[in-house]
Amino acid sequence: MRPRTKCHTNNQKSSI
C-alpha cells in the first residue's frame, strides 16, 4: 500500500 494511493482514497472518501 503506497502513501500516494492512501491519500487518493482518503480524498475520494472525503469528496463523497
PDB file of N, CA and C in Angstrom:
ATOM      1  N   MET A   1       0.853  -1.225   0.000  1.00  0.00           N
ATOM      2  CA  MET A   1       0.000   0.000   0.000  1.00  0.00           C
ATOM      3  C   MET A   1       0.875   1.256   0.000  1.00  0.00           C
ATOM      4  N   ARG A   2       0.828   2.020  -1.073  1.00  0.00           N
ATOM      5  CA  ARG A   2       1.679   3.230  -1.127  1.00  0.00           C
ATOM      6  C   ARG A   2       0.939   4.409  -0.503  1.00  0.00           C
ATOM      7  N   PRO A   3       1.669   5.360   0.037  1.00  0.00           N
ATOM      8  CA  PRO A   3       1.075   6.553   0.649  1.00  0.00           C
ATOM      9  C   PRO A   3       0.255   7.355  -0.356  1.00  0.00           C
ATOM     10  N   ARG A   4       0.716   7.346  -1.613  1.00  0.00           N
ATOM     11  CA  ARG A   4       0.002   8.112  -2.654  1.00  0.00           C
ATOM     12  C   ARG A   4      -1.423   7.551  -2.810  1.00  0.00           C
ATOM     13  N   THR A   5      -1.529   6.235  -2.874  1.00  0.00           N
ATOM     14  CA  THR A   5      -2.856   5.624  -3.054  1.00  0.00           C
ATOM     15  C   THR A   5      -3.743   5.938  -1.852  1.00  0.00           C
ATOM     16  N   LYS A   6      -3.149   5.845  -0.672  1.00  0.00           N
ATOM     17  CA  LYS A   6      -3.934   6.094   0.543  1.00  0.00           C
ATOM     18  C   LYS A   6      -4.508   7.527   0.510  1.00  0.00           C
ATOM     19  N   CYS A   7      -3.637   8.463   0.156  1.00  0.00           N
ATOM     20  CA  CYS A   7      -4.080   9.862   0.085  1.00  0.00           C
ATOM     21  C   CYS A   7      -5.237   9.979  -0.919  1.00  0.00           C
ATOM     22  N   HIS A   8      -5.061   9.332  -2.067  1.00  0.00           N
ATOM     23  CA  HIS A   8      -6.086   9.399  -3.107  1.00  0.00           C
ATOM     24  C   HIS A   8      -7.415   8.816  -2.610  1.00  0.00           C
ATOM     25  N   THR A   9      -7.322   7.674  -1.938  1.00  0.00           N
ATOM     26  CA  THR A   9      -8.544   7.024  -1.443  1.00  0.00           C
ATOM     27  C   THR A   9      -9.222   7.925  -0.418  1.00  0.00           C
ATOM     28  N   ASN A  10      -8.411   8.488   0.473  1.00  0.00           N
ATOM     29  CA  ASN A  10      -8.963   9.350   1.510  1.00  0.00           C
ATOM     30  C   ASN A  10      -9.659  10.552   0.876  1.00  0.00           C
ATOM     31  N   ASN A  11      -9.010  11.135  -0.115  1.00  0.00           N
ATOM     32  CA  ASN A  11      -9.566  12.298  -0.789  1.00  0.00           C
ATOM     33  C   ASN A  11     -10.929  11.959  -1.392  1.00  0.00           C
ATOM     34  N   GLN A  12     -11.009  10.833  -2.057  1.00  0.00           N
ATOM     35  CA  GLN A  12     -12.264  10.437  -2.700  1.00  0.00           C
ATOM     36  C   GLN A  12     -13.353  10.247  -1.655  1.00  0.00           C
ATOM     37  N   LYS A  13     -13.012   9.585  -0.555  1.00  0.00           N
ATOM     38  CA  LYS A  13     -13.999   9.329   0.502  1.00  0.00           C
ATOM     39  C   LYS A  13     -14.528  10.657   1.049  1.00  0.00           C
ATOM     40  N   SER A  14     -13.612  11.594   1.260  1.00  0.00           N
ATOM     41  CA  SER A  14     -13.997  12.904   1.794  1.00  0.00           C
ATOM     42  C   SER A  14     -14.936  13.607   0.808  1.00  0.00           C
ATOM     43  N   SER A  15     -14.655  13.448  -0.475  1.00  0.00           N
ATOM     44  CA  SER A  15     -15.470  14.095  -1.506  1.00  0.00           C
ATOM     45  C   SER A  15     -16.902  13.556  -1.456  1.00  0.00           C
ATOM     46  N   ILE A  16     -17.030  12.284  -1.267  1.00  0.00           N
ATOM     47  CA  ILE A  16     -18.362  11.669  -1.283  1.00  0.00           C
ATOM     48  C   ILE A  16     -19.174  12.149  -0.081  1.00  0.00           C
TER      49      ILE A  16
END
